[in-house]
């Protein structure tokens, strides 16, 4: 069944919603057929291919984060009309907000397209991306969000597309390119430190809690020890050649591997449902803490 995701099934957030007994799939806010019950129990404002850097969604022709925030404000108004202002505000305080972005900024917008590299060093761009993430977090806080989850970057050097574009022999040498994974590790460390500062700093006077979720660790465990988790292929996508196709390039006319559960990656950038499931399971302890907090 098509799910509107760049994978063969559910995302980590879908597994979370299912685990909480809310729903199996989190629907997009822009689906015009959504019932009020669907709206109340959670929707997605995300746009695949977007990023924190305003240039990233412009290049991909997708919905940028400021527009996503506008849709969220519109969503709040719809809820207020349906259940009243007081209930809506209480709903916002109890709700979880998941922010997952950044990979497109670095992989596509910085390393593939040279425009940002002409202006920013890697470390300066890391700071720039975080500053945009911080602005989003603050916008959500001002709109009533009190439980905000921010995911780190994956091991970017292990993405099939990155291997294909940077390996000396893209057909035979399919190992991770550590240069790019190092950038992810550095950014993740900075992100954790900055989020801690935001949690404990005097600027956070709204009572919001910001949580960091590590996806790098679970993914590198799958890539470095695939057999124990039932994977056969860790450096090619299940769709197409497995080297370069991503997103909409994987469609009904594309070749698809016989068993996606044997692959870490669905296409050359996005993980399979099984990988997302493993990430969810690896993060379950901290997710339980967030749910029960």
Protein backbone atom coordinates (compact mmCIF):
# COMPACT_ATOMS: atom_id res chain seq x y z
CA UNK A 1 0.00 0.00 0.00
CA UNK A 2 1.45 3.40 -0.97
CA UNK A 3 2.10 5.52 2.12
CA UNK A 4 3.37 8.76 0.58
CA UNK A 5 6.81 8.21 2.07
CA UNK A 6 10.22 7.76 0.46
CA UNK A 7 10.42 4.22 1.82
CA UNK A 8 8.58 0.90 1.52
CA UNK A 9 6.36 1.43 4.56
CA UNK A 10 6.40 3.22 7.88
CA UNK A 11 8.79 5.78 9.35
CA UNK A 12 10.08 5.90 12.92
CA UNK A 13 7.38 8.44 13.79
CA UNK A 14 4.73 6.04 12.49
CA UNK A 15 6.09 3.29 14.74
CA UNK A 16 5.96 5.74 17.65
CA UNK A 17 2.31 6.63 16.94
CA UNK A 18 1.45 2.93 16.70
CA UNK A 19 3.32 2.16 19.94
CA UNK A 20 1.30 4.84 21.71
CA UNK A 21 -1.93 3.36 20.37
CA UNK A 22 -2.79 6.49 18.40
CA UNK A 23 -2.66 5.39 14.75
CA UNK A 24 -0.61 3.28 12.35
CA UNK A 25 0.38 6.08 9.98
CA UNK A 26 0.70 9.79 10.65
CA UNK A 27 -1.15 11.50 7.78
CA UNK A 28 -0.03 14.68 6.01
CA UNK A 29 -1.74 17.84 7.19
CA UNK A 30 -2.40 18.86 3.58
CA UNK A 31 -4.60 15.81 2.92
CA UNK A 32 -8.00 17.48 2.29
CA UNK A 33 -9.93 14.35 3.34
CA UNK A 34 -8.70 14.29 6.96
CA UNK A 35 -11.34 14.04 9.65
CA UNK A 36 -11.18 16.15 12.81
CA UNK A 37 -10.25 12.99 14.77
CA UNK A 38 -7.26 12.50 12.48
CA UNK A 39 -6.25 16.12 12.96
CA UNK A 40 -6.55 15.91 16.74
CA UNK A 41 -4.52 12.69 17.01
CA UNK A 42 -1.58 14.01 15.01
CA UNK A 43 -0.48 15.02 11.54
CA UNK A 44 2.74 15.65 9.65
CA UNK A 45 3.79 19.03 8.31
CA UNK A 46 7.01 17.66 6.84
CA UNK A 47 7.99 17.94 3.20
CA UNK A 48 10.44 15.37 1.84
CA UNK A 49 13.54 17.02 0.41
CA UNK A 50 13.28 20.09 2.63
CA UNK A 51 15.83 21.25 5.18
CA UNK A 52 16.79 23.88 7.73
CA UNK A 53 18.74 25.89 5.15
CA UNK A 54 16.20 27.99 3.17
CA UNK A 55 18.11 27.22 -0.03
CA UNK A 56 17.53 23.46 0.30
CA UNK A 57 13.74 23.45 -0.29
CA UNK A 58 14.17 26.10 -2.98
CA UNK A 59 16.48 23.81 -4.94
CA UNK A 60 14.17 20.82 -4.45
CA UNK A 61 10.97 22.82 -5.06
CA UNK A 62 9.36 21.57 -1.84
CA UNK A 63 7.71 23.21 1.18
CA UNK A 64 10.14 25.21 3.31
CA UNK A 65 10.08 25.23 7.11
CA UNK A 66 8.57 28.73 7.53
CA UNK A 67 5.63 27.58 5.40
CA UNK A 68 5.36 24.39 7.46
CA UNK A 69 5.13 26.57 10.59
CA UNK A 70 2.40 28.61 8.89
CA UNK A 71 0.46 25.40 8.28
CA UNK A 72 0.91 24.50 11.95
CA UNK A 73 -0.55 27.85 13.01
CA UNK A 74 -3.47 27.23 10.65
CA UNK A 75 -3.86 23.77 12.18
CA UNK A 76 -4.09 25.28 15.67
CA UNK A 77 -6.88 27.60 14.53
CA UNK A 78 -8.83 24.65 13.11
CA UNK A 79 -8.45 22.79 16.40
CA UNK A 80 -9.53 25.83 18.37
CA UNK A 81 -12.73 26.10 16.32
CA UNK A 82 -13.45 22.42 16.91
CA UNK A 83 -12.61 21.97 20.61
CA UNK A 84 -12.20 25.48 22.02
CA UNK A 85 -9.13 27.54 22.87
CA UNK A 86 -8.49 26.11 26.35
CA UNK A 87 -8.60 22.47 25.20
CA UNK A 88 -6.47 23.29 22.19
CA UNK A 89 -3.80 24.89 24.39
CA UNK A 90 -3.79 21.90 26.75
CA UNK A 91 -3.52 19.64 23.72
CA UNK A 92 -0.42 21.50 22.52
CA UNK A 93 1.24 21.15 25.93
CA UNK A 94 0.74 17.37 25.95
CA UNK A 95 1.61 16.80 22.29
CA UNK A 96 4.99 15.65 21.03
CA UNK A 97 6.72 17.56 18.24
CA UNK A 98 9.36 15.73 16.19
CA UNK A 99 11.90 17.69 14.13
CA UNK A 100 13.93 15.61 11.69
CA UNK A 101 15.94 17.52 9.10
CA UNK A 102 19.48 18.39 8.09
CA UNK A 103 20.63 15.50 5.92
CA UNK A 104 19.50 17.20 2.69
CA UNK A 105 21.22 20.40 3.77
CA UNK A 106 24.61 18.72 4.04
CA UNK A 107 24.44 15.94 1.44
CA UNK A 108 22.75 17.87 -1.37
CA UNK A 109 23.01 21.55 -0.61
CA UNK A 110 26.56 21.67 0.73
CA UNK A 111 28.54 18.76 -0.69
CA UNK A 112 26.91 18.23 -4.10
CA UNK A 113 25.95 21.79 -5.07
CA UNK A 114 28.92 24.17 -4.62
CA UNK A 115 27.03 27.38 -3.82
CA UNK A 116 27.11 27.14 -0.02
CA UNK A 117 30.70 25.84 -0.01
CA UNK A 118 31.80 29.10 -1.61
CA UNK A 119 30.44 31.01 1.40
CA UNK A 120 30.78 28.66 4.38
CA UNK A 121 33.43 26.36 5.77
CA UNK A 122 32.06 23.06 7.06
CA UNK A 123 32.09 24.24 10.67
CA UNK A 124 30.47 27.57 9.74
CA UNK A 125 27.77 25.74 7.80
CA UNK A 126 27.14 23.43 10.76
CA UNK A 127 26.56 26.51 12.91
CA UNK A 128 24.34 28.05 10.23
CA UNK A 129 22.17 24.93 9.99
CA UNK A 130 21.84 24.70 13.76
CA UNK A 131 20.86 28.37 13.98
CA UNK A 132 17.99 27.67 11.58
CA UNK A 133 17.01 24.62 13.65
CA UNK A 134 17.06 26.79 16.77
CA UNK A 135 14.76 29.33 15.12
CA UNK A 136 12.27 26.54 14.36
CA UNK A 137 12.41 25.24 17.93
CA UNK A 138 11.80 28.75 19.28
CA UNK A 139 8.89 29.26 16.87
CA UNK A 140 7.29 26.04 18.10
CA UNK A 141 7.85 27.02 21.73
CA UNK A 142 6.10 30.33 21.13
CA UNK A 143 3.19 28.44 19.56
CA UNK A 144 2.74 26.28 22.65
CA UNK A 145 4.97 23.26 22.03
CA UNK A 146 6.34 21.83 25.28
CA UNK A 147 7.77 18.44 24.21
CA UNK A 148 10.13 18.87 21.28
CA UNK A 149 12.20 16.00 19.91
CA UNK A 150 15.12 16.75 17.59
CA UNK A 151 16.90 13.97 15.72
CA UNK A 152 20.57 14.04 14.80
CA UNK A 153 22.09 13.24 11.43
CA UNK A 154 22.67 9.69 10.14
CA UNK A 155 26.13 8.41 9.11
CA UNK A 156 26.02 10.43 5.89
CA UNK A 157 29.12 8.80 4.44
CA UNK A 158 27.27 5.47 4.37
CA UNK A 159 24.37 6.66 2.23
CA UNK A 160 24.50 4.80 -1.11
CA UNK A 161 24.31 8.08 -3.07
CA UNK A 162 27.28 9.52 -1.17
CA UNK A 163 29.29 6.34 -1.75
CA UNK A 164 28.44 6.38 -5.47
CA UNK A 165 29.48 10.01 -5.90
CA UNK A 166 32.69 9.81 -3.86
CA UNK A 167 34.11 6.29 -4.12
CA UNK A 168 37.14 5.74 -6.35
CA UNK A 169 35.27 2.78 -7.84
CA UNK A 170 31.53 3.16 -7.24
CA UNK A 171 30.79 -0.37 -8.47
CA UNK A 172 33.39 -2.33 -6.51
CA UNK A 173 34.35 -0.12 -3.57
CA UNK A 174 31.10 0.44 -1.66
CA UNK A 175 32.47 1.22 1.79
CA UNK A 176 31.40 4.27 3.80
CA UNK A 177 33.18 7.56 3.09
CA UNK A 178 34.20 8.64 6.58
CA UNK A 179 34.77 12.28 5.67
CA UNK A 180 31.01 12.79 5.44
CA UNK A 181 30.17 10.71 8.49
CA UNK A 182 32.66 12.80 10.47
CA UNK A 183 30.71 15.92 9.56
CA UNK A 184 27.56 14.23 10.85
CA UNK A 185 29.23 13.21 14.12
CA UNK A 186 30.57 16.72 14.68
CA UNK A 187 27.19 18.28 13.97
CA UNK A 188 25.42 15.80 16.25
CA UNK A 189 27.78 16.62 19.12
CA UNK A 190 27.28 20.33 18.61
CA UNK A 191 23.51 19.81 18.37
CA UNK A 192 23.41 17.91 21.67
CA UNK A 193 25.44 20.60 23.43
CA UNK A 194 23.35 23.43 22.04
CA UNK A 195 20.06 21.72 22.89
CA UNK A 196 21.26 21.26 26.48
CA UNK A 197 22.04 24.98 26.61
CA UNK A 198 18.58 25.76 25.29
CA UNK A 199 17.00 23.50 27.92
CA UNK A 200 18.84 25.07 30.82
CA UNK A 201 19.38 28.58 29.54
CA UNK A 202 17.44 31.57 30.83
CA UNK A 203 15.94 32.06 27.36
CA UNK A 204 13.82 28.94 27.83
CA UNK A 205 11.23 30.43 30.16
CA UNK A 206 8.21 28.77 28.57
CA UNK A 207 8.60 25.41 30.29
CA UNK A 208 9.43 23.50 27.13
CA UNK A 209 11.69 20.44 27.13
CA UNK A 210 13.88 19.65 24.15
CA UNK A 211 15.09 16.09 23.63
CA UNK A 212 17.87 14.80 21.37
CA UNK A 213 17.42 11.46 19.58
CA UNK A 214 20.49 9.68 18.21
CA UNK A 215 19.90 7.95 14.87
CA UNK A 216 23.60 7.78 13.95
CA UNK A 217 24.38 5.04 16.49
CA UNK A 218 21.55 2.65 15.56
CA UNK A 219 22.24 3.06 11.84
CA UNK A 220 25.99 2.52 12.08
CA UNK A 221 25.32 -0.61 14.16
CA UNK A 222 23.16 -1.97 11.33
CA UNK A 223 25.76 -1.09 8.71
CA UNK A 224 28.73 -2.50 10.61
CA UNK A 225 26.97 -5.61 11.96
CA UNK A 226 24.25 -6.41 9.43
CA UNK A 227 24.02 -10.18 9.90
CA UNK A 228 22.84 -10.04 13.51
CA UNK A 229 19.93 -7.85 12.43
CA UNK A 230 19.06 -9.85 9.31
CA UNK A 231 20.46 -7.52 6.65
CA UNK A 232 22.27 -8.70 3.52
CA UNK A 233 22.96 -5.33 1.85
CA UNK A 234 24.10 -2.19 3.66
CA UNK A 235 25.46 0.03 0.88
CA UNK A 236 22.93 -0.16 -1.96
CA UNK A 237 19.29 0.84 -2.18
CA UNK A 238 16.55 -1.72 -2.79
CA UNK A 239 15.07 0.42 -5.55
CA UNK A 240 16.49 0.78 -9.07
CA UNK A 241 20.24 0.28 -9.45
CA UNK A 242 20.59 1.05 -5.75
CA UNK A 243 23.34 3.56 -6.53
CA UNK A 244 21.70 6.89 -7.34
CA UNK A 245 17.89 6.69 -7.45
CA UNK A 246 16.15 8.51 -4.61
CA UNK A 247 12.74 9.92 -3.80
CA UNK A 248 10.40 10.21 -6.77
CA UNK A 249 12.95 8.41 -8.99
CA UNK A 250 11.77 5.27 -7.19
CA UNK A 251 8.27 4.74 -8.54
CA UNK A 252 5.91 2.11 -9.96
CA UNK A 253 8.15 1.64 -13.01
CA UNK A 254 11.34 1.12 -11.01
CA UNK A 255 12.99 -2.22 -10.35
CA UNK A 256 12.56 -3.23 -6.71
CA UNK A 257 14.58 -5.87 -4.89
CA UNK A 258 12.69 -9.07 -3.95
CA UNK A 259 12.97 -8.52 -0.18
CA UNK A 260 13.38 -4.96 1.12
CA UNK A 261 13.78 -6.24 4.69
CA UNK A 262 17.26 -7.47 3.72
CA UNK A 263 18.33 -3.91 2.84
CA UNK A 264 19.26 -1.07 5.18
CA UNK A 265 18.36 1.45 2.46
CA UNK A 266 15.21 1.69 0.35
CA UNK A 267 16.75 4.10 -2.16
CA UNK A 268 20.14 5.78 -2.33
CA UNK A 269 19.34 8.09 0.61
CA UNK A 270 16.32 6.85 2.56
CA UNK A 271 16.20 3.79 4.84
CA UNK A 272 13.78 0.87 4.58
CA UNK A 273 10.86 0.32 6.92
CA UNK A 274 12.90 -2.34 8.74
CA UNK A 275 15.69 0.17 9.38
CA UNK A 276 13.21 2.72 10.70
CA UNK A 277 11.74 0.01 12.93
CA UNK A 278 15.20 -0.81 14.30
CA UNK A 279 15.89 2.88 14.95
CA UNK A 280 12.61 3.11 16.85
CA UNK A 281 13.45 0.05 18.96
CA UNK A 282 16.94 1.36 19.69
CA UNK A 283 15.48 4.67 20.91
CA UNK A 284 12.59 3.14 22.85
CA UNK A 285 14.00 3.82 26.33
CA UNK A 286 14.37 7.54 25.76
CA UNK A 287 11.04 7.67 23.90
CA UNK A 288 9.35 6.06 26.92
CA UNK A 289 10.90 8.74 29.13
CA UNK A 290 9.60 11.46 26.81
CA UNK A 291 6.10 9.96 26.66
CA UNK A 292 5.88 9.61 30.43
CA UNK A 293 7.51 12.94 31.29
